[in-house]
Protein backbone atom coordinates (compact mmCIF):
# COMPACT_ATOMS: atom_id res chain seq x y z
CA MET A 1 14.40 144.23 245.17
CA LYS A 2 15.93 142.62 248.27
CA ARG A 3 15.44 139.18 246.69
CA LEU A 4 17.17 140.30 243.51
CA ILE A 5 20.15 141.64 245.47
CA LEU A 6 20.30 138.45 247.56
CA ALA A 7 20.14 136.26 244.43
CA ALA A 8 22.92 138.29 242.80
CA ALA A 9 25.08 138.01 245.92
CA ILE A 10 24.57 134.23 246.07
CA ALA A 11 25.40 133.88 242.36
CA LEU A 12 28.59 135.91 242.79
CA ALA A 13 29.62 133.88 245.82
CA ALA A 14 29.00 130.61 243.97
CA ALA A 15 31.02 131.81 240.98
CA GLY A 16 33.87 132.82 243.28
CA ALA A 17 33.82 129.43 245.00
CA ALA A 18 33.92 127.64 241.64
CA ASN A 19 36.90 129.74 240.55
CA ALA A 20 38.67 129.05 243.84
CA GLN A 21 38.87 125.31 243.10
CA GLU A 22 42.34 123.90 242.73
CA ILE A 23 43.78 120.97 240.80
CA VAL A 24 43.64 117.88 243.01
CA ARG A 25 46.47 115.34 242.81
CA GLY A 26 46.02 111.99 244.53
CA GLY A 27 48.22 109.05 245.31
CA ALA A 28 50.79 107.85 247.78
CA PRO A 29 52.88 110.77 249.11
CA THR A 30 56.10 108.83 248.50
CA SER A 31 55.21 107.99 244.88
CA PRO A 32 57.03 110.00 242.20
CA ILE A 33 53.76 110.33 240.26
CA ALA A 34 50.14 111.16 240.99
CA SER A 35 47.85 108.18 240.54
CA VAL A 36 44.97 110.53 239.70
CA VAL A 37 44.68 114.23 238.85
CA THR A 38 41.41 116.15 238.77
CA VAL A 39 41.28 119.47 236.93
CA PRO A 40 38.34 121.78 237.75
CA ALA A 41 36.09 123.03 234.97
CA GLY A 42 37.19 126.28 233.44
CA TYR A 43 40.94 125.72 233.66
CA ASP A 44 43.08 126.39 230.58
CA THR A 45 44.61 123.26 229.03
CA ILE A 46 48.00 123.30 227.34
CA TYR A 47 49.10 120.41 225.13
CA VAL A 48 52.82 120.05 224.52
CA SER A 49 53.68 117.83 221.58
CA GLY A 50 56.16 115.01 222.01
CA MET A 51 59.61 116.48 222.55
CA THR A 52 62.85 114.70 221.73
CA PRO A 53 66.37 115.38 223.02
CA PRO A 54 68.75 117.99 221.67
CA MET A 55 71.97 116.81 220.07
CA LEU A 56 74.94 117.15 222.43
CA ASP A 57 77.18 117.45 219.38
CA PRO A 58 75.48 119.28 216.49
CA LYS A 59 77.97 117.66 214.10
CA GLY A 60 77.39 114.21 215.57
CA ASP A 61 75.79 111.27 213.81
CA PRO A 62 72.07 111.10 214.76
CA ALA A 63 72.24 107.34 214.35
CA LEU A 64 74.47 107.15 217.43
CA THR A 65 73.18 107.31 220.99
CA ALA A 66 76.38 109.17 222.00
CA THR A 67 75.21 112.12 219.88
CA PHE A 68 72.25 112.60 222.26
CA GLY A 69 73.60 111.03 225.46
CA ASP A 70 72.31 108.28 227.72
CA THR A 71 68.69 108.10 228.91
CA LYS A 72 69.34 110.33 231.94
CA THR A 73 70.97 113.02 229.78
CA GLN A 74 68.31 112.78 227.08
CA THR A 75 65.50 113.02 229.66
CA LEU A 76 67.08 116.13 231.15
CA GLY A 77 67.28 117.70 227.69
CA VAL A 78 63.69 116.79 226.85
CA LEU A 79 62.26 118.06 230.15
CA THR A 80 64.21 121.30 229.75
CA ARG A 81 62.67 121.72 226.28
CA ILE A 82 59.21 121.06 227.74
CA GLN A 83 59.86 123.59 230.50
CA GLU A 84 60.80 126.17 227.86
CA ALA A 85 57.70 125.38 225.76
CA LEU A 86 55.44 125.76 228.81
CA LYS A 87 57.08 129.07 229.66
CA THR A 88 56.08 130.45 226.24
CA GLN A 89 52.48 129.82 227.31
CA GLY A 90 52.88 131.35 230.77
CA ALA A 91 52.95 127.93 232.45
CA THR A 92 55.47 125.95 234.51
CA MET A 93 56.35 122.33 235.17
CA GLY A 94 54.11 122.61 238.24
CA ASP A 95 51.15 122.93 235.87
CA VAL A 96 51.80 119.54 234.20
CA VAL A 97 48.94 117.13 234.97
CA MET A 98 49.65 114.26 232.54
CA MET A 99 52.84 112.92 231.00
CA ARG A 100 53.57 110.22 228.47
CA VAL A 101 57.16 108.97 228.41
CA LEU A 102 58.43 106.84 225.53
CA LEU A 103 61.78 105.13 226.07
CA VAL A 104 63.77 103.18 223.52
CA GLY A 105 65.77 100.27 224.87
CA ASP A 106 69.32 101.41 225.54
CA PRO A 107 71.92 99.33 223.67
CA ALA A 108 74.25 99.82 226.67
CA LYS A 109 71.57 98.17 228.87
CA GLY A 110 71.09 95.11 226.70
CA GLY A 111 68.16 96.69 224.84
CA LYS A 112 66.12 97.36 227.98
CA MET A 113 64.77 100.81 228.77
CA ASP A 114 66.74 102.72 231.38
CA PHE A 115 63.86 103.58 233.72
CA ALA A 116 66.24 104.49 236.56
CA GLY A 117 68.13 106.94 234.33
CA MET A 118 64.87 108.57 233.24
CA MET A 119 63.74 108.85 236.87
CA GLU A 120 66.98 110.56 237.94
CA SER A 121 66.26 113.48 235.63
CA TYR A 122 62.47 113.38 236.19
CA LYS A 123 62.91 113.81 239.96
CA THR A 124 64.77 117.09 239.44
CA PHE A 125 61.59 118.62 237.94
CA PHE A 126 58.73 116.97 239.89
CA GLY A 127 58.06 116.29 243.56
CA THR A 128 60.82 118.59 244.79
CA ALA A 129 60.73 121.12 247.62
CA GLU A 130 60.74 123.91 245.02
CA GLN A 131 58.14 122.24 242.78
CA PRO A 132 56.14 119.61 244.71
CA ASN A 133 53.47 118.89 242.06
CA LYS A 134 53.55 115.51 240.32
CA PRO A 135 51.69 114.52 237.15
CA SER A 136 49.91 111.31 236.32
CA ARG A 137 52.23 109.45 233.99
CA ILE A 138 52.66 106.48 231.72
CA THR A 139 56.09 105.14 230.73
CA SER A 140 56.44 102.69 227.86
CA GLN A 141 59.31 101.05 226.02
CA ILE A 142 59.10 101.40 222.25
CA THR A 143 61.29 100.08 219.46
CA SER A 144 62.53 103.36 217.95
CA LEU A 145 62.13 107.11 217.57
CA VAL A 146 62.62 109.45 214.60
CA GLN A 147 66.45 109.36 214.92
CA PRO A 148 68.16 106.06 215.75
CA GLY A 149 70.28 107.63 218.52
CA MET A 150 67.27 109.02 220.40
CA LEU A 151 66.13 107.11 223.48
CA VAL A 152 63.51 109.51 224.94
CA GLU A 153 60.36 111.30 223.81
CA ILE A 154 57.96 112.96 226.26
CA GLU A 155 54.55 114.55 225.74
CA VAL A 156 52.68 116.49 228.44
CA GLN A 157 49.38 118.15 229.16
CA ALA A 158 49.27 121.05 231.59
CA ALA A 159 46.39 122.91 233.21
CA ARG A 160 46.22 126.27 234.92
CA LYS A 161 43.71 128.78 236.19
CA PRO A 162 42.53 131.08 233.41
CA LYS A 163 44.25 134.45 233.29
């Protein structure tokens, strides 16, 4: 009987230790992204489909970049939409572990993607004093999105401890 109680206690302790594991984010502390993120087994995964920017002017022409704003403005709108989507699942931007950023070349920048503009908005959501977590990330320039005036689409995966 003592062995059975001891075995049960060890099993409970091991299960508790496994549940106590946290997401591990690695990389240079000064980097705006994590170079590697490890999610422990048993965490819930949330996939957020690619989000595009809201129109600044609902009556505007979606073929015009001005209808959606510059890359900085569009990124802010997209990340706000992602934040809202995560909230519906009981998650936050701090739970994001992977991000894919697609940028269309900005006509105002000679057709080159505005990485600096994207980063200005990105840094207001990640690696801050209020929300220090940073995801792994890829950023790519593409030729176009669903509406000609759109410059930004972002997809994320988030992970959190099960409820």
